Amino acid sequence: MARQWTAEQKAKQAALIRNWQPWQHSTGAKTEQGKANSAMNACKGYKRVKHRKIAKQIRTAKTMLDIVEKIERSNYAENPVLLNALMVLSKQLKS
């Protein structure tokens, strides 16, 4: 549960922060490794999107492989339902 601040506590904390001025003391990364790490912060969102897309393509490929294996096992290569499902999934994998 969040802390419940009284009006008096808020005023006291605001005065302390104004005197303390923590924004004047923030320095950011100092080492080259720290600077490199913080420079990559903006890239995280893009990587997540890319990983989700790759994961979706892998799932689709696995589904396609299952369908192909079913077609091979059933010896019904001319089964229109299975062939149609394979075509739909191959279109999804390409997109």
N, C-alpha and C. Protein backbone atom coordinates (compact mmCIF):
# COMPACT_ATOMS: atom_id res chain seq x y z
N MET A 1 0.84 -1.17 0.00
CA MET A 1 0.00 0.00 0.00
C MET A 1 0.89 1.24 0.00
N ALA A 2 0.51 2.24 -0.72
CA ALA A 2 1.28 3.47 -0.82
C ALA A 2 1.22 4.25 0.49
N ARG A 3 2.28 4.99 0.72
CA ARG A 3 2.33 5.81 1.93
C ARG A 3 1.32 6.94 1.84
N GLN A 4 0.66 7.22 2.94
CA GLN A 4 -0.31 8.31 3.01
C GLN A 4 0.39 9.52 3.64
N TRP A 5 0.64 10.55 2.85
CA TRP A 5 1.32 11.75 3.32
C TRP A 5 0.29 12.77 3.81
N THR A 6 0.55 13.35 4.96
CA THR A 6 -0.29 14.45 5.42
C THR A 6 0.21 15.72 4.72
N ALA A 7 -0.59 16.77 4.75
CA ALA A 7 -0.20 18.03 4.12
C ALA A 7 1.07 18.59 4.76
N GLU A 8 1.19 18.43 6.06
CA GLU A 8 2.37 18.92 6.78
C GLU A 8 3.62 18.14 6.36
N GLN A 9 3.49 16.82 6.23
CA GLN A 9 4.62 15.99 5.80
C GLN A 9 5.05 16.33 4.38
N LYS A 10 4.08 16.56 3.50
CA LYS A 10 4.39 16.93 2.11
C LYS A 10 5.16 18.24 2.06
N ALA A 11 4.72 19.22 2.84
CA ALA A 11 5.38 20.53 2.85
C ALA A 11 6.80 20.41 3.38
N LYS A 12 6.98 19.64 4.45
CA LYS A 12 8.31 19.45 5.03
C LYS A 12 9.23 18.75 4.03
N GLN A 13 8.73 17.69 3.38
CA GLN A 13 9.54 16.95 2.40
C GLN A 13 9.88 17.83 1.21
N ALA A 14 8.95 18.64 0.75
CA ALA A 14 9.20 19.54 -0.38
C ALA A 14 10.30 20.54 -0.04
N ALA A 15 10.25 21.07 1.19
CA ALA A 15 11.28 22.02 1.62
C ALA A 15 12.65 21.35 1.69
N LEU A 16 12.70 20.13 2.20
CA LEU A 16 13.96 19.39 2.27
C LEU A 16 14.54 19.16 0.88
N ILE A 17 13.69 18.77 -0.03
CA ILE A 17 14.15 18.49 -1.40
C ILE A 17 14.61 19.77 -2.09
N ARG A 18 13.89 20.86 -1.88
CA ARG A 18 14.32 22.13 -2.48
C ARG A 18 15.69 22.54 -1.95
N ASN A 19 15.95 22.33 -0.66
CA ASN A 19 17.26 22.67 -0.09
C ASN A 19 18.34 21.69 -0.54
N TRP A 20 17.98 20.45 -0.66
CA TRP A 20 18.92 19.39 -1.01
C TRP A 20 19.30 19.46 -2.49
N GLN A 21 18.35 19.73 -3.37
CA GLN A 21 18.51 19.85 -4.82
C GLN A 21 19.23 18.63 -5.43
N PRO A 22 18.63 17.46 -5.34
CA PRO A 22 19.30 16.25 -5.85
C PRO A 22 19.57 16.32 -7.35
N TRP A 23 18.80 17.09 -8.10
CA TRP A 23 19.03 17.21 -9.54
C TRP A 23 20.35 17.90 -9.85
N GLN A 24 20.90 18.65 -8.90
CA GLN A 24 22.19 19.30 -9.10
C GLN A 24 23.36 18.32 -8.92
N HIS A 25 23.10 17.19 -8.28
CA HIS A 25 24.17 16.26 -7.94
C HIS A 25 24.19 15.01 -8.82
N SER A 26 23.23 14.85 -9.69
CA SER A 26 23.22 13.65 -10.53
C SER A 26 24.31 13.80 -11.59
N THR A 27 25.08 12.75 -11.77
CA THR A 27 26.24 12.83 -12.68
C THR A 27 26.12 11.92 -13.88
N GLY A 28 25.29 10.91 -13.80
CA GLY A 28 25.22 9.96 -14.90
C GLY A 28 26.39 8.99 -14.85
N ALA A 29 26.58 8.28 -15.94
CA ALA A 29 27.66 7.29 -15.99
C ALA A 29 29.01 7.98 -16.06
N LYS A 30 29.98 7.41 -15.36
CA LYS A 30 31.33 7.99 -15.34
C LYS A 30 32.33 7.15 -16.12
N THR A 31 32.21 5.83 -16.06
CA THR A 31 33.17 4.97 -16.75
C THR A 31 32.74 4.76 -18.19
N GLU A 32 33.66 4.32 -19.01
CA GLU A 32 33.33 4.04 -20.42
C GLU A 32 32.30 2.92 -20.53
N GLN A 33 32.46 1.89 -19.68
CA GLN A 33 31.50 0.79 -19.70
C GLN A 33 30.11 1.27 -19.29
N GLY A 34 30.04 2.12 -18.26
CA GLY A 34 28.76 2.67 -17.83
C GLY A 34 28.12 3.52 -18.91
N LYS A 35 28.92 4.30 -19.61
CA LYS A 35 28.40 5.13 -20.70
C LYS A 35 27.88 4.26 -21.84
N ALA A 36 28.61 3.18 -22.13
CA ALA A 36 28.16 2.27 -23.19
C ALA A 36 26.85 1.61 -22.80
N ASN A 37 26.73 1.21 -21.53
CA ASN A 37 25.49 0.58 -21.07
C ASN A 37 24.31 1.55 -21.15
N SER A 38 24.51 2.78 -20.71
CA SER A 38 23.39 3.73 -20.73
C SER A 38 23.05 4.14 -22.16
N ALA A 39 24.02 4.10 -23.06
CA ALA A 39 23.72 4.42 -24.46
C ALA A 39 22.81 3.39 -25.10
N MET A 40 22.82 2.17 -24.56
CA MET A 40 21.99 1.11 -25.10
C MET A 40 20.57 1.14 -24.56
N ASN A 41 20.26 1.99 -23.60
CA ASN A 41 18.92 2.04 -23.01
C ASN A 41 17.85 2.33 -24.06
N ALA A 42 18.15 3.16 -25.01
CA ALA A 42 17.15 3.52 -26.02
C ALA A 42 16.88 2.36 -26.97
N CYS A 43 17.77 1.40 -27.05
CA CYS A 43 17.64 0.30 -27.99
C CYS A 43 16.77 -0.83 -27.47
N LYS A 44 16.47 -0.85 -26.19
CA LYS A 44 15.77 -1.98 -25.60
C LYS A 44 14.40 -2.21 -26.21
N GLY A 45 13.63 -1.15 -26.42
CA GLY A 45 12.30 -1.31 -26.98
C GLY A 45 12.31 -1.92 -28.35
N TYR A 46 13.26 -1.50 -29.19
CA TYR A 46 13.37 -2.03 -30.54
C TYR A 46 13.70 -3.52 -30.50
N LYS A 47 14.61 -3.89 -29.60
CA LYS A 47 15.01 -5.29 -29.53
C LYS A 47 13.85 -6.17 -29.10
N ARG A 48 13.04 -5.68 -28.17
CA ARG A 48 11.89 -6.47 -27.72
C ARG A 48 10.92 -6.73 -28.86
N VAL A 49 10.67 -5.71 -29.65
CA VAL A 49 9.75 -5.85 -30.78
C VAL A 49 10.32 -6.86 -31.78
N LYS A 50 11.61 -6.76 -32.04
CA LYS A 50 12.26 -7.67 -32.99
C LYS A 50 12.22 -9.10 -32.46
N HIS A 51 12.46 -9.30 -31.17
CA HIS A 51 12.43 -10.64 -30.60
C HIS A 51 11.02 -11.24 -30.66
N ARG A 52 10.01 -10.41 -30.41
CA ARG A 52 8.62 -10.91 -30.49
C ARG A 52 8.30 -11.38 -31.91
N LYS A 53 8.76 -10.60 -32.90
CA LYS A 53 8.49 -10.96 -34.29
C LYS A 53 9.18 -12.26 -34.65
N ILE A 54 10.42 -12.42 -34.21
CA ILE A 54 11.16 -13.65 -34.49
C ILE A 54 10.48 -14.84 -33.80
N ALA A 55 10.05 -14.66 -32.55
CA ALA A 55 9.38 -15.73 -31.82
C ALA A 55 8.09 -16.14 -32.53
N LYS A 56 7.36 -15.17 -33.07
CA LYS A 56 6.13 -15.48 -33.80
C LYS A 56 6.45 -16.28 -35.06
N GLN A 57 7.51 -15.90 -35.75
CA GLN A 57 7.89 -16.63 -36.96
C GLN A 57 8.31 -18.06 -36.63
N ILE A 58 8.99 -18.24 -35.51
CA ILE A 58 9.40 -19.59 -35.10
C ILE A 58 8.17 -20.44 -34.78
N ARG A 59 7.21 -19.86 -34.06
CA ARG A 59 5.98 -20.60 -33.75
C ARG A 59 5.24 -20.99 -35.02
N THR A 60 5.17 -20.07 -35.98
CA THR A 60 4.49 -20.35 -37.24
C THR A 60 5.22 -21.45 -38.00
N ALA A 61 6.55 -21.38 -38.01
CA ALA A 61 7.33 -22.41 -38.70
C ALA A 61 7.11 -23.78 -38.07
N LYS A 62 7.04 -23.83 -36.74
CA LYS A 62 6.80 -25.10 -36.06
C LYS A 62 5.42 -25.65 -36.42
N THR A 63 4.43 -24.77 -36.49
CA THR A 63 3.09 -25.19 -36.87
C THR A 63 3.08 -25.73 -38.30
N MET A 64 3.80 -25.05 -39.20
CA MET A 64 3.89 -25.51 -40.58
C MET A 64 4.54 -26.88 -40.64
N LEU A 65 5.60 -27.06 -39.87
CA LEU A 65 6.29 -28.35 -39.86
C LEU A 65 5.36 -29.45 -39.37
N ASP A 66 4.55 -29.16 -38.35
CA ASP A 66 3.58 -30.15 -37.86
C ASP A 66 2.60 -30.55 -38.96
N ILE A 67 2.13 -29.56 -39.72
CA ILE A 67 1.18 -29.84 -40.80
C ILE A 67 1.83 -30.67 -41.89
N VAL A 68 3.06 -30.33 -42.25
CA VAL A 68 3.77 -31.10 -43.27
C VAL A 68 3.95 -32.54 -42.81
N GLU A 69 4.31 -32.73 -41.54
CA GLU A 69 4.47 -34.09 -41.01
C GLU A 69 3.15 -34.85 -41.04
N LYS A 70 2.04 -34.17 -40.75
CA LYS A 70 0.72 -34.83 -40.81
C LYS A 70 0.41 -35.25 -42.24
N ILE A 71 0.73 -34.38 -43.19
CA ILE A 71 0.48 -34.72 -44.60
C ILE A 71 1.31 -35.94 -45.00
N GLU A 72 2.58 -35.96 -44.59
CA GLU A 72 3.44 -37.09 -44.93
C GLU A 72 2.94 -38.38 -44.28
N ARG A 73 2.52 -38.30 -43.03
CA ARG A 73 2.04 -39.50 -42.33
C ARG A 73 0.73 -40.00 -42.91
N SER A 74 -0.11 -39.10 -43.35
CA SER A 74 -1.43 -39.51 -43.80
C SER A 74 -1.45 -39.99 -45.24
N ASN A 75 -0.39 -39.71 -46.00
CA ASN A 75 -0.34 -40.07 -47.42
C ASN A 75 -1.49 -39.46 -48.20
N TYR A 76 -1.99 -38.33 -47.73
CA TYR A 76 -3.05 -37.63 -48.43
C TYR A 76 -2.52 -36.29 -48.90
N ALA A 77 -1.49 -36.32 -49.74
CA ALA A 77 -0.86 -35.09 -50.21
C ALA A 77 -1.84 -34.24 -51.01
N GLU A 78 -2.90 -34.84 -51.49
CA GLU A 78 -3.88 -34.08 -52.28
C GLU A 78 -5.07 -33.64 -51.43
N ASN A 79 -4.96 -33.77 -50.13
CA ASN A 79 -6.03 -33.35 -49.24
C ASN A 79 -6.12 -31.82 -49.29
N PRO A 80 -7.21 -31.25 -49.82
CA PRO A 80 -7.29 -29.80 -49.99
C PRO A 80 -7.29 -29.02 -48.67
N VAL A 81 -7.83 -29.60 -47.63
CA VAL A 81 -7.86 -28.90 -46.34
C VAL A 81 -6.45 -28.73 -45.79
N LEU A 82 -5.67 -29.79 -45.80
CA LEU A 82 -4.31 -29.71 -45.29
C LEU A 82 -3.43 -28.81 -46.17
N LEU A 83 -3.60 -28.93 -47.48
CA LEU A 83 -2.80 -28.09 -48.38
C LEU A 83 -3.16 -26.62 -48.22
N ASN A 84 -4.43 -26.31 -48.05
CA ASN A 84 -4.86 -24.93 -47.84
C ASN A 84 -4.28 -24.37 -46.54
N ALA A 85 -4.29 -25.17 -45.49
CA ALA A 85 -3.73 -24.73 -44.21
C ALA A 85 -2.23 -24.46 -44.36
N LEU A 86 -1.55 -25.29 -45.11
CA LEU A 86 -0.12 -25.09 -45.34
C LEU A 86 0.14 -23.80 -46.10
N MET A 87 -0.69 -23.49 -47.09
CA MET A 87 -0.52 -22.25 -47.86
C MET A 87 -0.77 -21.02 -46.99
N VAL A 88 -1.79 -21.07 -46.15
CA VAL A 88 -2.09 -19.94 -45.26
C VAL A 88 -0.93 -19.70 -44.31
N LEU A 89 -0.41 -20.75 -43.72
CA LEU A 89 0.70 -20.59 -42.79
C LEU A 89 1.97 -20.11 -43.49
N SER A 90 2.21 -20.54 -44.71
CA SER A 90 3.40 -20.07 -45.41
C SER A 90 3.29 -18.58 -45.71
N LYS A 91 2.09 -18.10 -45.99
CA LYS A 91 1.89 -16.64 -46.19
C LYS A 91 2.16 -15.88 -44.89
N GLN A 92 1.72 -16.43 -43.77
CA GLN A 92 1.96 -15.78 -42.48
C GLN A 92 3.45 -15.73 -42.16
N LEU A 93 4.16 -16.77 -42.50
CA LEU A 93 5.60 -16.81 -42.21
C LEU A 93 6.35 -15.77 -43.04
N LYS A 94 5.90 -15.53 -44.26
CA LYS A 94 6.55 -14.55 -45.13
C LYS A 94 6.31 -13.13 -44.68
N SER A 95 5.20 -12.88 -43.98
CA SER A 95 4.90 -11.50 -43.56
C SER A 95 5.58 -11.12 -42.28
